[in-house]
């Protein structure tokens, strides 16, 4: 996947949430040759997640993902999701977004 409209692969991939899906994505990336230094796994920030959940009427885990994405300092970060409410919340935070599978 190209990063931010370029033809190059991203330098870093962030996985927001370490549940079953996040761990599956992580293991696939590592098996595909990504190093652990190139993959970030989010940390939970409950206080920020609560604020975002309240503002955007998000489910708790969606709010945690938005709060985690907000903390990543990467100019080419794109939040990809099939959930339009999550994307609206992330866009409001100034993050680039991409609708997938919807």
PDB file of N, CA and C in Angstrom:
ATOM      1  N   UNK A   1       0.843  -1.169   0.000  1.00  0.00           N
ATOM      2  CA  UNK A   1       0.000   0.000   0.000  1.00  0.00           C
ATOM      3  C   UNK A   1       0.890   1.234   0.000  1.00  0.00           C
ATOM      4  N   UNK A   2       0.589   2.169  -0.848  1.00  0.00           N
ATOM      5  CA  UNK A   2       1.372   3.402  -0.908  1.00  0.00           C
ATOM      6  C   UNK A   2       0.973   4.329   0.221  1.00  0.00           C
ATOM      7  N   UNK A   3       1.903   5.114   0.690  1.00  0.00           N
ATOM      8  CA  UNK A   3       1.654   6.029   1.806  1.00  0.00           C
ATOM      9  C   UNK A   3       1.310   7.411   1.295  1.00  0.00           C
ATOM     10  N   UNK A   4       0.178   7.937   1.707  1.00  0.00           N
ATOM     11  CA  UNK A   4      -0.205   9.327   1.457  1.00  0.00           C
ATOM     12  C   UNK A   4      -0.042   9.761   0.003  1.00  0.00           C
ATOM     13  N   UNK A   5      -0.520   8.941  -0.921  1.00  0.00           N
ATOM     14  CA  UNK A   5      -0.504   9.326  -2.318  1.00  0.00           C
ATOM     15  C   UNK A   5       0.838   9.175  -3.006  1.00  0.00           C
ATOM     16  N   UNK A   6       1.804   8.542  -2.375  1.00  0.00           N
ATOM     17  CA  UNK A   6       3.103   8.317  -3.009  1.00  0.00           C
ATOM     18  C   UNK A   6       3.170   6.873  -3.478  1.00  0.00           C
ATOM     19  N   UNK A   7       4.231   6.543  -4.171  1.00  0.00           N
ATOM     20  CA  UNK A   7       4.411   5.172  -4.640  1.00  0.00           C
ATOM     21  C   UNK A   7       5.305   4.353  -3.725  1.00  0.00           C
ATOM     22  N   UNK A   8       5.679   4.888  -2.589  1.00  0.00           N
ATOM     23  CA  UNK A   8       6.550   4.155  -1.679  1.00  0.00           C
ATOM     24  C   UNK A   8       5.733   3.535  -0.549  1.00  0.00           C
ATOM     25  N   UNK A   9       6.279   2.466  -0.007  1.00  0.00           N
ATOM     26  CA  UNK A   9       5.644   1.828   1.141  1.00  0.00           C
ATOM     27  C   UNK A   9       5.874   2.698   2.367  1.00  0.00           C
ATOM     28  N   UNK A  10       4.967   2.645   3.340  1.00  0.00           N
ATOM     29  CA  UNK A  10       5.179   3.437   4.562  1.00  0.00           C
ATOM     30  C   UNK A  10       6.392   2.941   5.331  1.00  0.00           C
ATOM     31  N   UNK A  11       7.026   3.849   6.072  1.00  0.00           N
ATOM     32  CA  UNK A  11       8.174   3.490   6.898  1.00  0.00           C
ATOM     33  C   UNK A  11       7.752   2.760   8.162  1.00  0.00           C
ATOM     34  N   UNK A  12       6.558   3.087   8.640  1.00  0.00           N
ATOM     35  CA  UNK A  12       6.046   2.519   9.884  1.00  0.00           C
ATOM     36  C   UNK A  12       4.561   2.237   9.724  1.00  0.00           C
ATOM     37  N   UNK A  13       4.112   1.161  10.318  1.00  0.00           N
ATOM     38  CA  UNK A  13       2.689   0.841  10.352  1.00  0.00           C
ATOM     39  C   UNK A  13       2.268   0.825  11.805  1.00  0.00           C
ATOM     40  N   UNK A  14       1.160   1.507  12.105  1.00  0.00           N
ATOM     41  CA  UNK A  14       0.621   1.518  13.465  1.00  0.00           C
ATOM     42  C   UNK A  14      -0.623   0.644  13.507  1.00  0.00           C
ATOM     43  N   UNK A  15      -0.691  -0.206  14.497  1.00  0.00           N
ATOM     44  CA  UNK A  15      -1.859  -1.043  14.730  1.00  0.00           C
ATOM     45  C   UNK A  15      -2.535  -0.504  15.969  1.00  0.00           C
ATOM     46  N   UNK A  16      -3.770  -0.091  15.812  1.00  0.00           N
ATOM     47  CA  UNK A  16      -4.506   0.517  16.916  1.00  0.00           C
ATOM     48  C   UNK A  16      -5.381  -0.539  17.566  1.00  0.00           C
ATOM     49  N   UNK A  17      -4.919  -1.059  18.659  1.00  0.00           N
ATOM     50  CA  UNK A  17      -5.642  -2.093  19.383  1.00  0.00           C
ATOM     51  C   UNK A  17      -4.937  -3.427  19.224  1.00  0.00           C
ATOM     52  N   UNK A  18      -4.648  -4.071  20.319  1.00  0.00           N
ATOM     53  CA  UNK A  18      -3.917  -5.332  20.296  1.00  0.00           C
ATOM     54  C   UNK A  18      -4.788  -6.540  20.525  1.00  0.00           C
ATOM     55  N   UNK A  19      -6.058  -6.450  20.147  1.00  0.00           N
ATOM     56  CA  UNK A  19      -6.954  -7.596  20.288  1.00  0.00           C
ATOM     57  C   UNK A  19      -6.657  -8.654  19.243  1.00  0.00           C
ATOM     58  N   UNK A  20      -7.632  -9.513  18.984  1.00  0.00           N
ATOM     59  CA  UNK A  20      -7.447 -10.608  18.042  1.00  0.00           C
ATOM     60  C   UNK A  20      -7.078 -10.075  16.658  1.00  0.00           C
ATOM     61  N   UNK A  21      -7.795  -9.069  16.164  1.00  0.00           N
ATOM     62  CA  UNK A  21      -7.515  -8.538  14.841  1.00  0.00           C
ATOM     63  C   UNK A  21      -6.144  -7.864  14.790  1.00  0.00           C
ATOM     64  N   UNK A  22      -5.834  -7.072  15.808  1.00  0.00           N
ATOM     65  CA  UNK A  22      -4.540  -6.404  15.855  1.00  0.00           C
ATOM     66  C   UNK A  22      -3.383  -7.383  15.912  1.00  0.00           C
ATOM     67  N   UNK A  23      -3.519  -8.424  16.715  1.00  0.00           N
ATOM     68  CA  UNK A  23      -2.462  -9.420  16.811  1.00  0.00           C
ATOM     69  C   UNK A  23      -2.310 -10.205  15.509  1.00  0.00           C
ATOM     70  N   UNK A  24      -3.430 -10.488  14.855  1.00  0.00           N
ATOM     71  CA  UNK A  24      -3.380 -11.181  13.570  1.00  0.00           C
ATOM     72  C   UNK A  24      -2.661 -10.331  12.531  1.00  0.00           C
ATOM     73  N   UNK A  25      -2.973  -9.042  12.496  1.00  0.00           N
ATOM     74  CA  UNK A  25      -2.302  -8.130  11.576  1.00  0.00           C
ATOM     75  C   UNK A  25      -0.812  -8.044  11.898  1.00  0.00           C
ATOM     76  N   UNK A  26      -0.485  -7.920  13.176  1.00  0.00           N
ATOM     77  CA  UNK A  26       0.913  -7.858  13.597  1.00  0.00           C
ATOM     78  C   UNK A  26       1.677  -9.102  13.166  1.00  0.00           C
ATOM     79  N   UNK A  27       1.141 -10.272  13.424  1.00  0.00           N
ATOM     80  CA  UNK A  27       1.858 -11.503  13.070  1.00  0.00           C
ATOM     81  C   UNK A  27       2.021 -11.623  11.558  1.00  0.00           C
ATOM     82  N   UNK A  28       1.018 -11.196  10.795  1.00  0.00           N
ATOM     83  CA  UNK A  28       1.133 -11.234   9.336  1.00  0.00           C
ATOM     84  C   UNK A  28       2.210 -10.297   8.821  1.00  0.00           C
ATOM     85  N   UNK A  29       2.286  -9.106   9.393  1.00  0.00           N
ATOM     86  CA  UNK A  29       3.315  -8.151   8.984  1.00  0.00           C
ATOM     87  C   UNK A  29       4.712  -8.671   9.302  1.00  0.00           C
ATOM     88  N   UNK A  30       4.873  -9.247  10.486  1.00  0.00           N
ATOM     89  CA  UNK A  30       6.185  -9.778  10.864  1.00  0.00           C
ATOM     90  C   UNK A  30       6.574 -10.960   9.977  1.00  0.00           C
ATOM     91  N   UNK A  31       5.615 -11.818   9.649  1.00  0.00           N
ATOM     92  CA  UNK A  31       5.906 -12.943   8.745  1.00  0.00           C
ATOM     93  C   UNK A  31       6.235 -12.448   7.337  1.00  0.00           C
ATOM     94  N   UNK A  32       5.680 -11.282   6.962  1.00  0.00           N
ATOM     95  CA  UNK A  32       5.927 -10.716   5.634  1.00  0.00           C
ATOM     96  C   UNK A  32       7.257  -9.972   5.551  1.00  0.00           C
ATOM     97  N   UNK A  33       7.973  -9.890   6.666  1.00  0.00           N
ATOM     98  CA  UNK A  33       9.294  -9.277   6.630  1.00  0.00           C
ATOM     99  C   UNK A  33       9.420  -7.922   7.307  1.00  0.00           C
ATOM    100  N   UNK A  34       8.325  -7.374   7.841  1.00  0.00           N
ATOM    101  CA  UNK A  34       8.423  -6.122   8.593  1.00  0.00           C
ATOM    102  C   UNK A  34       9.163  -6.417   9.899  1.00  0.00           C
ATOM    103  N   UNK A  35       9.983  -5.485  10.355  1.00  0.00           N
ATOM    104  CA  UNK A  35      10.683  -5.675  11.631  1.00  0.00           C
ATOM    105  C   UNK A  35       9.832  -5.085  12.754  1.00  0.00           C
ATOM    106  N   UNK A  36      10.122  -5.501  13.961  1.00  0.00           N
ATOM    107  CA  UNK A  36       9.375  -4.977  15.106  1.00  0.00           C
ATOM    108  C   UNK A  36       9.598  -3.477  15.279  1.00  0.00           C
ATOM    109  N   UNK A  37      10.692  -2.945  14.732  1.00  0.00           N
ATOM    110  CA  UNK A  37      10.948  -1.504  14.803  1.00  0.00           C
ATOM    111  C   UNK A  37      10.086  -0.714  13.822  1.00  0.00           C
ATOM    112  N   UNK A  38       9.445  -1.388  12.882  1.00  0.00           N
ATOM    113  CA  UNK A  38       8.625  -0.724  11.872  1.00  0.00           C
ATOM    114  C   UNK A  38       7.131  -0.814  12.167  1.00  0.00           C
ATOM    115  N   UNK A  39       6.761  -1.516  13.218  1.00  0.00           N
ATOM    116  CA  UNK A  39       5.358  -1.715  13.553  1.00  0.00           C
ATOM    117  C   UNK A  39       5.098  -1.186  14.962  1.00  0.00           C
ATOM    118  N   UNK A  40       4.124  -0.291  15.093  1.00  0.00           N
ATOM    119  CA  UNK A  40       3.750   0.257  16.403  1.00  0.00           C
ATOM    120  C   UNK A  40       2.416  -0.344  16.822  1.00  0.00           C
ATOM    121  N   UNK A  41       2.296  -0.706  18.070  1.00  0.00           N
ATOM    122  CA  UNK A  41       1.040  -1.195  18.625  1.00  0.00           C
ATOM    123  C   UNK A  41       0.561  -0.177  19.646  1.00  0.00           C
ATOM    124  N   UNK A  42      -0.717   0.200  19.568  1.00  0.00           N
ATOM    125  CA  UNK A  42      -1.221   1.287  20.406  1.00  0.00           C
ATOM    126  C   UNK A  42      -1.244   0.924  21.882  1.00  0.00           C
ATOM    127  N   UNK A  43      -1.160   1.973  22.689  1.00  0.00           N
ATOM    128  CA  UNK A  43      -1.363   1.852  24.124  1.00  0.00           C
ATOM    129  C   UNK A  43      -2.716   2.465  24.445  1.00  0.00           C
ATOM    130  N   UNK A  44      -3.350   1.955  25.443  1.00  0.00           N
ATOM    131  CA  UNK A  44      -4.672   2.477  25.813  1.00  0.00           C
ATOM    132  C   UNK A  44      -4.533   3.787  26.575  1.00  0.00           C
ATOM    133  N   UNK A  45      -5.412   4.734  26.254  1.00  0.00           N
ATOM    134  CA  UNK A  45      -5.478   6.013  26.961  1.00  0.00           C
ATOM    135  C   UNK A  45      -6.926   6.236  27.376  1.00  0.00           C
ATOM    136  N   UNK A  46      -7.356   5.666  28.482  1.00  0.00           N
ATOM    137  CA  UNK A  46      -8.769   5.696  28.843  1.00  0.00           C
ATOM    138  C   UNK A  46      -9.344   7.096  29.028  1.00  0.00           C
ATOM    139  N   UNK A  47      -8.562   8.036  29.561  1.00  0.00           N
ATOM    140  CA  UNK A  47      -9.123   9.371  29.793  1.00  0.00           C
ATOM    141  C   UNK A  47      -9.432  10.083  28.472  1.00  0.00           C
ATOM    142  N   UNK A  48      -8.562   9.958  27.494  1.00  0.00           N
ATOM    143  CA  UNK A  48      -8.815  10.574  26.187  1.00  0.00           C
ATOM    144  C   UNK A  48      -9.908   9.808  25.452  1.00  0.00           C
ATOM    145  N   UNK A  49      -9.909   8.509  25.572  1.00  0.00           N
ATOM    146  CA  UNK A  49     -10.946   7.704  24.932  1.00  0.00           C
ATOM    147  C   UNK A  49     -12.338   8.076  25.460  1.00  0.00           C
ATOM    148  N   UNK A  50     -12.436   8.308  26.758  1.00  0.00           N
ATOM    149  CA  UNK A  50     -13.724   8.697  27.343  1.00  0.00           C
ATOM    150  C   UNK A  50     -14.208  10.029  26.770  1.00  0.00           C
ATOM    151  N   UNK A  51     -13.283  10.963  26.628  1.00  0.00           N
ATOM    152  CA  UNK A  51     -13.630  12.269  26.061  1.00  0.00           C
ATOM    153  C   UNK A  51     -14.135  12.118  24.621  1.00  0.00           C
ATOM    154  N   UNK A  52     -13.421  11.326  23.813  1.00  0.00           N
ATOM    155  CA  UNK A  52     -13.827  11.128  22.420  1.00  0.00           C
ATOM    156  C   UNK A  52     -15.125  10.337  22.315  1.00  0.00           C
ATOM    157  N   UNK A  53     -15.295   9.351  23.176  1.00  0.00           N
ATOM    158  CA  UNK A  53     -16.537   8.569  23.171  1.00  0.00           C
ATOM    159  C   UNK A  53     -17.727   9.458  23.460  1.00  0.00           C
ATOM    160  N   UNK A  54     -17.564  10.368  24.396  1.00  0.00           N
ATOM    161  CA  UNK A  54     -18.641  11.284  24.745  1.00  0.00           C
ATOM    162  C   UNK A  54     -18.929  12.253  23.603  1.00  0.00           C
ATOM    163  N   UNK A  55     -17.897  12.829  23.037  1.00  0.00           N
ATOM    164  CA  UNK A  55     -18.063  13.822  21.979  1.00  0.00           C
ATOM    165  C   UNK A  55     -18.681  13.222  20.718  1.00  0.00           C
ATOM    166  N   UNK A  56     -18.243  12.014  20.336  1.00  0.00           N
ATOM    167  CA  UNK A  56     -18.649  11.431  19.066  1.00  0.00           C
ATOM    168  C   UNK A  56     -19.611  10.255  19.217  1.00  0.00           C
ATOM    169  N   UNK A  57     -20.045   9.944  20.403  1.00  0.00           N
ATOM    170  CA  UNK A  57     -20.925   8.795  20.675  1.00  0.00           C
ATOM    171  C   UNK A  57     -20.312   7.506  20.118  1.00  0.00           C
ATOM    172  N   UNK A  58     -19.008   7.348  20.374  1.00  0.00           N
ATOM    173  CA  UNK A  58     -18.297   6.169  19.900  1.00  0.00           C
ATOM    174  C   UNK A  58     -18.357   5.059  20.942  1.00  0.00           C
ATOM    175  N   UNK A  59     -18.234   3.841  20.463  1.00  0.00           N
ATOM    176  CA  UNK A  59     -18.054   2.716  21.383  1.00  0.00           C
ATOM    177  C   UNK A  59     -16.696   2.892  22.047  1.00  0.00           C
ATOM    178  N   UNK A  60     -16.530   2.343  23.223  1.00  0.00           N
ATOM    179  CA  UNK A  60     -15.302   2.535  23.988  1.00  0.00           C
ATOM    180  C   UNK A  60     -14.045   2.162  23.237  1.00  0.00           C
ATOM    181  N   UNK A  61     -14.037   1.004  22.594  1.00  0.00           N
ATOM    182  CA  UNK A  61     -12.823   0.579  21.902  1.00  0.00           C
ATOM    183  C   UNK A  61     -12.547   1.441  20.673  1.00  0.00           C
ATOM    184  N   UNK A  62     -13.588   1.956  20.005  1.00  0.00           N
ATOM    185  CA  UNK A  62     -13.362   2.874  18.881  1.00  0.00           C
ATOM    186  C   UNK A  62     -12.704   4.160  19.376  1.00  0.00           C
ATOM    187  N   UNK A  63     -13.156   4.638  20.517  1.00  0.00           N
ATOM    188  CA  UNK A  63     -12.578   5.855  21.087  1.00  0.00           C
ATOM    189  C   UNK A  63     -11.114   5.644  21.469  1.00  0.00           C
ATOM    190  N   UNK A  64     -10.778   4.455  21.969  1.00  0.00           N
ATOM    191  CA  UNK A  64      -9.383   4.140  22.304  1.00  0.00           C
ATOM    192  C   UNK A  64      -8.538   4.179  21.037  1.00  0.00           C
ATOM    193  N   UNK A  65      -9.053   3.643  19.938  1.00  0.00           N
ATOM    194  CA  UNK A  65      -8.306   3.667  18.678  1.00  0.00           C
ATOM    195  C   UNK A  65      -8.068   5.101  18.211  1.00  0.00           C
ATOM    196  N   UNK A  66      -9.079   5.959  18.297  1.00  0.00           N
ATOM    197  CA  UNK A  66      -8.919   7.362  17.891  1.00  0.00           C
ATOM    198  C   UNK A  66      -7.890   8.065  18.776  1.00  0.00           C
ATOM    199  N   UNK A  67      -7.983   7.839  20.081  1.00  0.00           N
ATOM    200  CA  UNK A  67      -7.038   8.466  21.008  1.00  0.00           C
ATOM    201  C   UNK A  67      -5.616   7.980  20.740  1.00  0.00           C
ATOM    202  N   UNK A  68      -5.463   6.707  20.405  1.00  0.00           N
ATOM    203  CA  UNK A  68      -4.139   6.166  20.096  1.00  0.00           C
ATOM    204  C   UNK A  68      -3.591   6.772  18.818  1.00  0.00           C
ATOM    205  N   UNK A  69      -4.433   6.886  17.802  1.00  0.00           N
ATOM    206  CA  UNK A  69      -3.994   7.467  16.527  1.00  0.00           C
ATOM    207  C   UNK A  69      -3.561   8.913  16.725  1.00  0.00           C
ATOM    208  N   UNK A  70      -4.264   9.621  17.586  1.00  0.00           N
ATOM    209  CA  UNK A  70      -3.946  11.025  17.854  1.00  0.00           C
ATOM    210  C   UNK A  70      -2.535  11.165  18.434  1.00  0.00           C
ATOM    211  N   UNK A  71      -2.060  10.166  19.156  1.00  0.00           N
ATOM    212  CA  UNK A  71      -0.751  10.223  19.813  1.00  0.00           C
ATOM    213  C   UNK A  71       0.408   9.880  18.883  1.00  0.00           C
ATOM    214  N   UNK A  72       0.129   9.323  17.710  1.00  0.00           N
ATOM    215  CA  UNK A  72       1.196   8.918  16.799  1.00  0.00           C
ATOM    216  C   UNK A  72       1.709  10.146  16.066  1.00  0.00           C
ATOM    217  N   UNK A  73       2.993  10.383  16.173  1.00  0.00           N
ATOM    218  CA  UNK A  73       3.619  11.541  15.543  1.00  0.00           C
ATOM    219  C   UNK A  73       4.225  11.114  14.207  1.00  0.00           C
ATOM    220  N   UNK A  74       3.371  11.023  13.181  1.00  0.00           N
ATOM    221  CA  UNK A  74       3.831  10.615  11.855  1.00  0.00           C
ATOM    222  C   UNK A  74       3.064  11.426  10.815  1.00  0.00           C
ATOM    223  N   UNK A  75       3.760  12.248  10.029  1.00  0.00           N
ATOM    224  CA  UNK A  75       3.067  13.106   9.077  1.00  0.00           C
ATOM    225  C   UNK A  75       2.328  12.347   7.987  1.00  0.00           C
ATOM    226  N   UNK A  76       2.688  11.086   7.734  1.00  0.00           N
ATOM    227  CA  UNK A  76       2.006  10.336   6.687  1.00  0.00           C
ATOM    228  C   UNK A  76       1.008   9.317   7.241  1.00  0.00           C
ATOM    229  N   UNK A  77       0.592   9.487   8.491  1.00  0.00           N
ATOM    230  CA  UNK A  77      -0.386   8.598   9.104  1.00  0.00           C
ATOM    231  C   UNK A  77      -1.735   8.731   8.401  1.00  0.00           C
ATOM    232  N   UNK A  78      -2.330   7.609   8.057  1.00  0.00           N
ATOM    233  CA  UNK A  78      -3.685   7.564   7.514  1.00  0.00           C
ATOM    234  C   UNK A  78      -4.455   6.542   8.340  1.00  0.00           C
ATOM    235  N   UNK A  79      -5.585   6.950   8.908  1.00  0.00           N
ATOM    236  CA  UNK A  79      -6.437   6.045   9.664  1.00  0.00           C
ATOM    237  C   UNK A  79      -7.406   5.410   8.671  1.00  0.00           C
ATOM    238  N   UNK A  80      -7.342   4.098   8.521  1.00  0.00           N
ATOM    239  CA  UNK A  80      -8.215   3.370   7.602  1.00  0.00           C
ATOM    240  C   UNK A  80      -9.219   2.571   8.415  1.00  0.00           C
ATOM    241  N   UNK A  81     -10.493   2.704   8.059  1.00  0.00           N
ATOM    242  CA  UNK A  81     -11.546   2.007   8.783  1.00  0.00           C
ATOM    243  C   UNK A  81     -12.770   1.885   7.881  1.00  0.00           C
ATOM    244  N   UNK A  82     -13.605   0.936   8.194  1.00  0.00           N
ATOM    245  CA  UNK A  82     -14.891   0.808   7.523  1.00  0.00           C
ATOM    246  C   UNK A  82     -15.996   1.485   8.309  1.00  0.00           C
ATOM    247  N   UNK A  83     -15.654   2.089   9.424  1.00  0.00           N
ATOM    248  CA  UNK A  83     -16.623   2.732  10.315  1.00  0.00           C
ATOM    249  C   UNK A  83     -16.587   4.245  10.107  1.00  0.00           C
ATOM    250  N   UNK A  84     -17.644   4.781   9.516  1.00  0.00           N
ATOM    251  CA  UNK A  84     -17.680   6.208   9.180  1.00  0.00           C
ATOM    252  C   UNK A  84     -17.670   7.108  10.410  1.00  0.00           C
ATOM    253  N   UNK A  85     -18.221   6.654  11.535  1.00  0.00           N
ATOM    254  CA  UNK A  85     -18.197   7.457  12.755  1.00  0.00           C
ATOM    255  C   UNK A  85     -16.773   7.589  13.288  1.00  0.00           C
ATOM    256  N   UNK A  86     -16.020   6.497  13.236  1.00  0.00           N
ATOM    257  CA  UNK A  86     -14.621   6.536  13.668  1.00  0.00           C
ATOM    258  C   UNK A  86     -13.829   7.489  12.776  1.00  0.00           C
ATOM    259  N   UNK A  87     -14.056   7.405  11.474  1.00  0.00           N
ATOM    260  CA  UNK A  87     -13.345   8.277  10.540  1.00  0.00           C
ATOM    261  C   UNK A  87     -13.702   9.741  10.759  1.00  0.00           C
ATOM    262  N   UNK A  88     -14.969  10.029  11.048  1.00  0.00           N
ATOM    263  CA  UNK A  88     -15.370  11.417  11.315  1.00  0.00           C
ATOM    264  C   UNK A  88     -14.667  11.941  12.561  1.00  0.00           C
ATOM    265  N   UNK A  89     -14.580  11.115  13.595  1.00  0.00           N
ATOM    266  CA  UNK A  89     -13.898  11.529  14.826  1.00  0.00           C
ATOM    267  C   UNK A  89     -12.416  11.766  14.562  1.00  0.00           C
ATOM    268  N   UNK A  90     -11.783  10.878  13.814  1.00  0.00           N
ATOM    269  CA  UNK A  90     -10.355  11.033  13.513  1.00  0.00           C
ATOM    270  C   UNK A  90     -10.115  12.254  12.630  1.00  0.00           C
ATOM    271  N   UNK A  91     -10.991  12.494  11.674  1.00  0.00           N
ATOM    272  CA  UNK A  91     -10.855  13.679  10.817  1.00  0.00           C
ATOM    273  C   UNK A  91     -10.973  14.949  11.649  1.00  0.00           C
ATOM    274  N   UNK A  92     -11.862  14.943  12.634  1.00  0.00           N
ATOM    275  CA  UNK A  92     -12.019  16.101  13.514  1.00  0.00           C
ATOM    276  C   UNK A  92     -10.747  16.364  14.318  1.00  0.00           C
ATOM    277  N   UNK A  93      -9.975  15.313  14.554  1.00  0.00           N
ATOM    278  CA  UNK A  93      -8.697  15.452  15.265  1.00  0.00           C
ATOM    279  C   UNK A  93      -7.579  15.911  14.330  1.00  0.00           C
ATOM    280  N   UNK A  94      -7.894  16.078  13.052  1.00  0.00           N
ATOM    281  CA  UNK A  94      -6.900  16.531  12.089  1.00  0.00           C
ATOM    282  C   UNK A  94      -6.132  15.392  11.426  1.00  0.00           C
ATOM    283  N   UNK A  95      -6.613  14.173  11.556  1.00  0.00           N
ATOM    284  CA  UNK A  95      -5.932  13.015  10.982  1.00  0.00           C
ATOM    285  C   UNK A  95      -6.476  12.717   9.585  1.00  0.00           C
ATOM    286  N   UNK A  96      -5.596  12.275   8.707  1.00  0.00           N
ATOM    287  CA  UNK A  96      -6.023  11.823   7.380  1.00  0.00           C
ATOM    288  C   UNK A  96      -6.757  10.498   7.539  1.00  0.00           C
ATOM    289  N   UNK A  97      -7.806  10.296   6.757  1.00  0.00           N
ATOM    290  CA  UNK A  97      -8.608   9.081   6.884  1.00  0.00           C
ATOM    291  C   UNK A  97      -8.851   8.455   5.521  1.00  0.00           C
ATOM    292  N   UNK A  98      -9.177   7.162   5.550  1.00  0.00           N
ATOM    293  CA  UNK A  98      -9.528   6.431   4.329  1.00  0.00           C
ATOM    294  C   UNK A  98     -10.620   5.421   4.674  1.00  0.00           C
ATOM    295  N   UNK A  99     -11.716   5.474   3.940  1.00  0.00           N
ATOM    296  CA  UNK A  99     -12.806   4.511   4.111  1.00  0.00           C
ATOM    297  C   UNK A  99     -12.444   3.232   3.371  1.00  0.00           C
ATOM    298  N   UNK A 100     -12.506   2.119   4.054  1.00  0.00           N
ATOM    299  CA  UNK A 100     -12.221   0.834   3.437  1.00  0.00           C
ATOM    300  C   UNK A 100     -13.411  -0.095   3.613  1.00  0.00           C
ATOM    301  N   UNK A 101     -13.680  -0.868   2.597  1.00  0.00           N
ATOM    302  CA  UNK A 101     -14.728  -1.886   2.664  1.00  0.00           C
ATOM    303  C   UNK A 101     -16.124  -1.345   2.864  1.00  0.00           C
ATOM    304  N   UNK A 102     -16.334  -0.070   2.649  1.00  0.00           N
ATOM    305  CA  UNK A 102     -17.668   0.477   2.906  1.00  0.00           C
ATOM    306  C   UNK A 102     -18.192   1.129   1.747  1.00  0.00           C
TER     307      UNK A 102
END
